[in-house]
Amino acid sequence: MENLVAPVWETLPEDVRAHVDGLLLLDRRIMAVKAVRDASPEPAPGIRACVDMLEERRAVLIARGTAPAG
């Protein structure tokens, strides 16, 4: 199955990606969604796409050992 949320992440500038990772590490998910939507090209991704992408991103951070699993 094709990963449909990866394109959302790939459209973000590198500095925004770092900011979003930092927000996820602080468990600031709503702020992370806003950061993604604000930085995304028009039309901005929907809330569900952002949440799915952020959950996937959080799993990556957990796998790297940089985010707590809780």
PDB file of N, CA and C in Angstrom:
ATOM      1  N   MET A   1       0.848  -1.189   0.000  1.00  0.00           N
ATOM      2  CA  MET A   1       0.000   0.000   0.000  1.00  0.00           C
ATOM      3  C   MET A   1       0.886   1.242   0.000  1.00  0.00           C
ATOM      4  N   GLU A   2       0.524   2.203  -0.785  1.00  0.00           N
ATOM      5  CA  GLU A   2       1.288   3.440  -0.901  1.00  0.00           C
ATOM      6  C   GLU A   2       1.098   4.306   0.342  1.00  0.00           C
ATOM      7  N   ASN A   3       2.190   4.941   0.786  1.00  0.00           N
ATOM      8  CA  ASN A   3       2.140   5.844   1.924  1.00  0.00           C
ATOM      9  C   ASN A   3       1.603   7.194   1.450  1.00  0.00           C
ATOM     10  N   LEU A   4       0.394   7.538   1.859  1.00  0.00           N
ATOM     11  CA  LEU A   4      -0.250   8.757   1.385  1.00  0.00           C
ATOM     12  C   LEU A   4       0.089   9.982   2.220  1.00  0.00           C
ATOM     13  N   VAL A   5       0.662   9.807   3.420  1.00  0.00           N
ATOM     14  CA  VAL A   5       0.972  10.960   4.259  1.00  0.00           C
ATOM     15  C   VAL A   5       2.378  11.491   4.042  1.00  0.00           C
ATOM     16  N   ALA A   6       3.252  10.715   3.436  1.00  0.00           N
ATOM     17  CA  ALA A   6       4.625  11.169   3.202  1.00  0.00           C
ATOM     18  C   ALA A   6       4.688  12.461   2.395  1.00  0.00           C
ATOM     19  N   PRO A   7       3.858  12.646   1.358  1.00  0.00           N
ATOM     20  CA  PRO A   7       3.947  13.896   0.600  1.00  0.00           C
ATOM     21  C   PRO A   7       3.731  15.148   1.450  1.00  0.00           C
ATOM     22  N   VAL A   8       2.912  15.065   2.498  1.00  0.00           N
ATOM     23  CA  VAL A   8       2.712  16.224   3.375  1.00  0.00           C
ATOM     24  C   VAL A   8       4.044  16.604   4.008  1.00  0.00           C
ATOM     25  N   TRP A   9       4.755  15.645   4.541  1.00  0.00           N
ATOM     26  CA  TRP A   9       6.048  15.888   5.199  1.00  0.00           C
ATOM     27  C   TRP A   9       7.067  16.411   4.194  1.00  0.00           C
ATOM     28  N   GLU A  10       7.065  15.835   3.008  1.00  0.00           N
ATOM     29  CA  GLU A  10       8.055  16.198   1.997  1.00  0.00           C
ATOM     30  C   GLU A  10       7.880  17.613   1.460  1.00  0.00           C
ATOM     31  N   THR A  11       6.688  18.193   1.585  1.00  0.00           N
ATOM     32  CA  THR A  11       6.475  19.556   1.101  1.00  0.00           C
ATOM     33  C   THR A  11       6.954  20.613   2.089  1.00  0.00           C
ATOM     34  N   LEU A  12       7.251  20.204   3.314  1.00  0.00           N
ATOM     35  CA  LEU A  12       7.650  21.162   4.342  1.00  0.00           C
ATOM     36  C   LEU A  12       9.125  21.525   4.227  1.00  0.00           C
ATOM     37  N   PRO A  13       9.458  22.802   4.429  1.00  0.00           N
ATOM     38  CA  PRO A  13      10.864  23.200   4.470  1.00  0.00           C
ATOM     39  C   PRO A  13      11.581  22.528   5.643  1.00  0.00           C
ATOM     40  N   GLU A  14      12.872  22.368   5.527  1.00  0.00           N
ATOM     41  CA  GLU A  14      13.671  21.680   6.545  1.00  0.00           C
ATOM     42  C   GLU A  14      13.528  22.313   7.930  1.00  0.00           C
ATOM     43  N   ASP A  15      13.506  23.650   8.001  1.00  0.00           N
ATOM     44  CA  ASP A  15      13.380  24.297   9.310  1.00  0.00           C
ATOM     45  C   ASP A  15      12.017  24.025   9.948  1.00  0.00           C
ATOM     46  N   VAL A  16      10.990  23.909   9.145  1.00  0.00           N
ATOM     47  CA  VAL A  16       9.662  23.590   9.670  1.00  0.00           C
ATOM     48  C   VAL A  16       9.641  22.143  10.146  1.00  0.00           C
ATOM     49  N   ARG A  17      10.274  21.260   9.422  1.00  0.00           N
ATOM     50  CA  ARG A  17      10.347  19.854   9.865  1.00  0.00           C
ATOM     51  C   ARG A  17      11.008  19.754  11.232  1.00  0.00           C
ATOM     52  N   ALA A  18      12.117  20.481  11.421  1.00  0.00           N
ATOM     53  CA  ALA A  18      12.815  20.470  12.710  1.00  0.00           C
ATOM     54  C   ALA A  18      11.912  21.034  13.811  1.00  0.00           C
ATOM     55  N   HIS A  19      11.182  22.095  13.482  1.00  0.00           N
ATOM     56  CA  HIS A  19      10.260  22.706  14.459  1.00  0.00           C
ATOM     57  C   HIS A  19       9.154  21.722  14.828  1.00  0.00           C
ATOM     58  N   VAL A  20       8.591  21.050  13.844  1.00  0.00           N
ATOM     59  CA  VAL A  20       7.522  20.076  14.096  1.00  0.00           C
ATOM     60  C   VAL A  20       8.049  18.920  14.947  1.00  0.00           C
ATOM     61  N   ASP A  21       9.234  18.426  14.646  1.00  0.00           N
ATOM     62  CA  ASP A  21       9.829  17.369  15.474  1.00  0.00           C
ATOM     63  C   ASP A  21       9.969  17.839  16.913  1.00  0.00           C
ATOM     64  N   GLY A  22      10.421  19.073  17.097  1.00  0.00           N
ATOM     65  CA  GLY A  22      10.558  19.620  18.447  1.00  0.00           C
ATOM     66  C   GLY A  22       9.218  19.701  19.167  1.00  0.00           C
ATOM     67  N   LEU A  23       8.193  20.116  18.452  1.00  0.00           N
ATOM     68  CA  LEU A  23       6.857  20.172  19.051  1.00  0.00           C
ATOM     69  C   LEU A  23       6.368  18.778  19.434  1.00  0.00           C
ATOM     70  N   LEU A  24       6.638  17.795  18.588  1.00  0.00           N
ATOM     71  CA  LEU A  24       6.235  16.424  18.907  1.00  0.00           C
ATOM     72  C   LEU A  24       6.975  15.903  20.133  1.00  0.00           C
ATOM     73  N   LEU A  25       8.249  16.244  20.253  1.00  0.00           N
ATOM     74  CA  LEU A  25       9.022  15.817  21.422  1.00  0.00           C
ATOM     75  C   LEU A  25       8.463  16.425  22.700  1.00  0.00           C
ATOM     76  N   LEU A  26       7.857  17.594  22.594  1.00  0.00           N
ATOM     77  CA  LEU A  26       7.240  18.257  23.746  1.00  0.00           C
ATOM     78  C   LEU A  26       5.768  17.878  23.907  1.00  0.00           C
ATOM     79  N   ASP A  27       5.288  16.965  23.053  1.00  0.00           N
ATOM     80  CA  ASP A  27       3.894  16.510  23.048  1.00  0.00           C
ATOM     81  C   ASP A  27       2.933  17.659  22.772  1.00  0.00           C
ATOM     82  N   ARG A  28       3.327  18.549  21.886  1.00  0.00           N
ATOM     83  CA  ARG A  28       2.505  19.699  21.476  1.00  0.00           C
ATOM     84  C   ARG A  28       1.900  19.402  20.105  1.00  0.00           C
ATOM     85  N   ARG A  29       1.002  18.446  20.060  1.00  0.00           N
ATOM     86  CA  ARG A  29       0.476  17.960  18.782  1.00  0.00           C
ATOM     87  C   ARG A  29      -0.399  18.978  18.069  1.00  0.00           C
ATOM     88  N   ILE A  30      -1.211  19.710  18.815  1.00  0.00           N
ATOM     89  CA  ILE A  30      -2.071  20.706  18.170  1.00  0.00           C
ATOM     90  C   ILE A  30      -1.213  21.804  17.548  1.00  0.00           C
ATOM     91  N   MET A  31      -0.196  22.237  18.260  1.00  0.00           N
ATOM     92  CA  MET A  31       0.710  23.245  17.710  1.00  0.00           C
ATOM     93  C   MET A  31       1.454  22.703  16.490  1.00  0.00           C
ATOM     94  N   ALA A  32       1.766  21.410  16.514  1.00  0.00           N
ATOM     95  CA  ALA A  32       2.439  20.788  15.374  1.00  0.00           C
ATOM     96  C   ALA A  32       1.521  20.770  14.153  1.00  0.00           C
ATOM     97  N   VAL A  33       0.252  20.471  14.357  1.00  0.00           N
ATOM     98  CA  VAL A  33      -0.712  20.491  13.248  1.00  0.00           C
ATOM     99  C   VAL A  33      -0.780  21.895  12.650  1.00  0.00           C
ATOM    100  N   LYS A  34      -0.849  22.898  13.507  1.00  0.00           N
ATOM    101  CA  LYS A  34      -0.907  24.283  13.028  1.00  0.00           C
ATOM    102  C   LYS A  34       0.351  24.637  12.250  1.00  0.00           C
ATOM    103  N   ALA A  35       1.507  24.239  12.756  1.00  0.00           N
ATOM    104  CA  ALA A  35       2.767  24.529  12.071  1.00  0.00           C
ATOM    105  C   ALA A  35       2.791  23.887  10.685  1.00  0.00           C
ATOM    106  N   VAL A  36       2.325  22.651  10.582  1.00  0.00           N
ATOM    107  CA  VAL A  36       2.290  21.948   9.298  1.00  0.00           C
ATOM    108  C   VAL A  36       1.345  22.658   8.341  1.00  0.00           C
ATOM    109  N   ARG A  37       0.153  22.979   8.813  1.00  0.00           N
ATOM    110  CA  ARG A  37      -0.835  23.625   7.930  1.00  0.00           C
ATOM    111  C   ARG A  37      -0.386  25.011   7.496  1.00  0.00           C
ATOM    112  N   ASP A  38       0.231  25.766   8.416  1.00  0.00           N
ATOM    113  CA  ASP A  38       0.696  27.111   8.079  1.00  0.00           C
ATOM    114  C   ASP A  38       1.825  27.087   7.051  1.00  0.00           C
ATOM    115  N   ALA A  39       2.681  26.074   7.118  1.00  0.00           N
ATOM    116  CA  ALA A  39       3.850  26.015   6.237  1.00  0.00           C
ATOM    117  C   ALA A  39       3.595  25.268   4.929  1.00  0.00           C
ATOM    118  N   SER A  40       2.471  24.593   4.836  1.00  0.00           N
ATOM    119  CA  SER A  40       2.173  23.800   3.644  1.00  0.00           C
ATOM    120  C   SER A  40       1.711  24.694   2.501  1.00  0.00           C
ATOM    121  N   PRO A  41       2.050  24.286   1.273  1.00  0.00           N
ATOM    122  CA  PRO A  41       1.532  25.034   0.125  1.00  0.00           C
ATOM    123  C   PRO A  41       0.015  24.867   0.041  1.00  0.00           C
ATOM    124  N   GLU A  42      -0.633  25.824  -0.588  1.00  0.00           N
ATOM    125  CA  GLU A  42      -2.093  25.771  -0.753  1.00  0.00           C
ATOM    126  C   GLU A  42      -2.462  24.692  -1.748  1.00  0.00           C
ATOM    127  N   PRO A  43      -3.510  23.987  -1.583  1.00  0.00           N
ATOM    128  CA  PRO A  43      -4.361  23.997  -0.401  1.00  0.00           C
ATOM    129  C   PRO A  43      -3.692  23.226   0.732  1.00  0.00           C
ATOM    130  N   ALA A  44      -3.841  23.737   1.948  1.00  0.00           N
ATOM    131  CA  ALA A  44      -3.239  23.090   3.122  1.00  0.00           C
ATOM    132  C   ALA A  44      -3.859  21.706   3.321  1.00  0.00           C
ATOM    133  N   PRO A  45      -3.066  20.763   3.813  1.00  0.00           N
ATOM    134  CA  PRO A  45      -3.625  19.432   4.071  1.00  0.00           C
ATOM    135  C   PRO A  45      -4.696  19.504   5.153  1.00  0.00           C
ATOM    136  N   GLY A  46      -5.630  18.586   5.100  1.00  0.00           N
ATOM    137  CA  GLY A  46      -6.686  18.526   6.111  1.00  0.00           C
ATOM    138  C   GLY A  46      -6.134  18.100   7.459  1.00  0.00           C
ATOM    139  N   ILE A  47      -6.940  18.315   8.471  1.00  0.00           N
ATOM    140  CA  ILE A  47      -6.549  17.956   9.844  1.00  0.00           C
ATOM    141  C   ILE A  47      -6.205  16.466   9.927  1.00  0.00           C
ATOM    142  N   ARG A  48      -7.042  15.616   9.344  1.00  0.00           N
ATOM    143  CA  ARG A  48      -6.809  14.160   9.416  1.00  0.00           C
ATOM    144  C   ARG A  48      -5.466  13.789   8.787  1.00  0.00           C
ATOM    145  N   ALA A  49      -5.143  14.378   7.634  1.00  0.00           N
ATOM    146  CA  ALA A  49      -3.862  14.093   6.989  1.00  0.00           C
ATOM    147  C   ALA A  49      -2.704  14.552   7.865  1.00  0.00           C
ATOM    148  N   CYS A  50      -2.862  15.697   8.513  1.00  0.00           N
ATOM    149  CA  CYS A  50      -1.813  16.190   9.406  1.00  0.00           C
ATOM    150  C   CYS A  50      -1.628  15.264  10.602  1.00  0.00           C
ATOM    151  N   VAL A  51      -2.735  14.873  11.218  1.00  0.00           N
ATOM    152  CA  VAL A  51      -2.662  13.993  12.386  1.00  0.00           C
ATOM    153  C   VAL A  51      -2.031  12.660  12.011  1.00  0.00           C
ATOM    154  N   ASP A  52      -2.439  12.091  10.882  1.00  0.00           N
ATOM    155  CA  ASP A  52      -1.854  10.822  10.430  1.00  0.00           C
ATOM    156  C   ASP A  52      -0.353  10.966  10.208  1.00  0.00           C
ATOM    157  N   MET A  53       0.047  12.043   9.549  1.00  0.00           N
ATOM    158  CA  MET A  53       1.456  12.268   9.268  1.00  0.00           C
ATOM    159  C   MET A  53       2.237  12.464  10.560  1.00  0.00           C
ATOM    160  N   LEU A  54       1.672  13.204  11.513  1.00  0.00           N
ATOM    161  CA  LEU A  54       2.364  13.447  12.776  1.00  0.00           C
ATOM    162  C   LEU A  54       2.495  12.171  13.602  1.00  0.00           C
ATOM    163  N   GLU A  55       1.491  11.308  13.561  1.00  0.00           N
ATOM    164  CA  GLU A  55       1.598  10.024  14.259  1.00  0.00           C
ATOM    165  C   GLU A  55       2.701   9.172  13.639  1.00  0.00           C
ATOM    166  N   GLU A  56       2.768   9.196  12.321  1.00  0.00           N
ATOM    167  CA  GLU A  56       3.835   8.470  11.631  1.00  0.00           C
ATOM    168  C   GLU A  56       5.203   9.058  12.000  1.00  0.00           C
ATOM    169  N   ARG A  57       5.279  10.366  12.029  1.00  0.00           N
ATOM    170  CA  ARG A  57       6.539  11.036  12.368  1.00  0.00           C
ATOM    171  C   ARG A  57       6.936  10.733  13.802  1.00  0.00           C
ATOM    172  N   ARG A  58       5.972  10.727  14.716  1.00  0.00           N
ATOM    173  CA  ARG A  58       6.254  10.409  16.119  1.00  0.00           C
ATOM    174  C   ARG A  58       6.787   8.981  16.244  1.00  0.00           C
ATOM    175  N   ALA A  59       6.240   8.058  15.465  1.00  0.00           N
ATOM    176  CA  ALA A  59       6.733   6.677  15.480  1.00  0.00           C
ATOM    177  C   ALA A  59       8.191   6.621  15.033  1.00  0.00           C
ATOM    178  N   VAL A  60       8.551   7.447  14.048  1.00  0.00           N
ATOM    179  CA  VAL A  60       9.954   7.520  13.597  1.00  0.00           C
ATOM    180  C   VAL A  60      10.840   8.019  14.732  1.00  0.00           C
ATOM    181  N   LEU A  61      10.400   9.050  15.422  1.00  0.00           N
ATOM    182  CA  LEU A  61      11.185   9.598  16.528  1.00  0.00           C
ATOM    183  C   LEU A  61      11.342   8.590  17.659  1.00  0.00           C
ATOM    184  N   ILE A  62      10.281   7.837  17.943  1.00  0.00           N
ATOM    185  CA  ILE A  62      10.350   6.796  18.972  1.00  0.00           C
ATOM    186  C   ILE A  62      11.329   5.706  18.550  1.00  0.00           C
ATOM    187  N   ALA A  63      11.255   5.290  17.292  1.00  0.00           N
ATOM    188  CA  ALA A  63      12.159   4.242  16.788  1.00  0.00           C
ATOM    189  C   ALA A  63      13.612   4.686  16.868  1.00  0.00           C
ATOM    190  N   ARG A  64      13.865   5.971  16.672  1.00  0.00           N
ATOM    191  CA  ARG A  64      15.235   6.505  16.790  1.00  0.00           C
ATOM    192  C   ARG A  64      15.678   6.660  18.239  1.00  0.00           C
ATOM    193  N   GLY A  65      14.731   6.534  19.166  1.00  0.00           N
ATOM    194  CA  GLY A  65      15.048   6.702  20.568  1.00  0.00           C
ATOM    195  C   GLY A  65      15.101   8.153  21.012  1.00  0.00           C
ATOM    196  N   THR A  66      14.569   9.053  20.197  1.00  0.00           N
ATOM    197  CA  THR A  66      14.600  10.474  20.551  1.00  0.00           C
ATOM    198  C   THR A  66      13.312  10.946  21.185  1.00  0.00           C
ATOM    199  N   ALA A  67      12.271  10.121  21.171  1.00  0.00           N
ATOM    200  CA  ALA A  67      10.999  10.493  21.789  1.00  0.00           C
ATOM    201  C   ALA A  67      10.560   9.369  22.712  1.00  0.00           C
ATOM    202  N   PRO A  68       9.971   9.736  23.849  1.00  0.00           N
ATOM    203  CA  PRO A  68       9.450   8.692  24.752  1.00  0.00           C
ATOM    204  C   PRO A  68       8.269   7.984  24.102  1.00  0.00           C
ATOM    205  N   ALA A  69       8.142   6.711  24.394  1.00  0.00           N
ATOM    206  CA  ALA A  69       7.087   5.901  23.795  1.00  0.00           C
ATOM    207  C   ALA A  69       5.727   6.165  24.418  1.00  0.00           C
ATOM    208  N   GLY A  70       5.661   6.879  25.507  1.00  0.00           N
ATOM    209  CA  GLY A  70       4.406   7.105  26.211  1.00  0.00           C
ATOM    210  C   GLY A  70       3.507   8.088  25.657  1.00  0.00           C
TER     211      GLY A  70
END
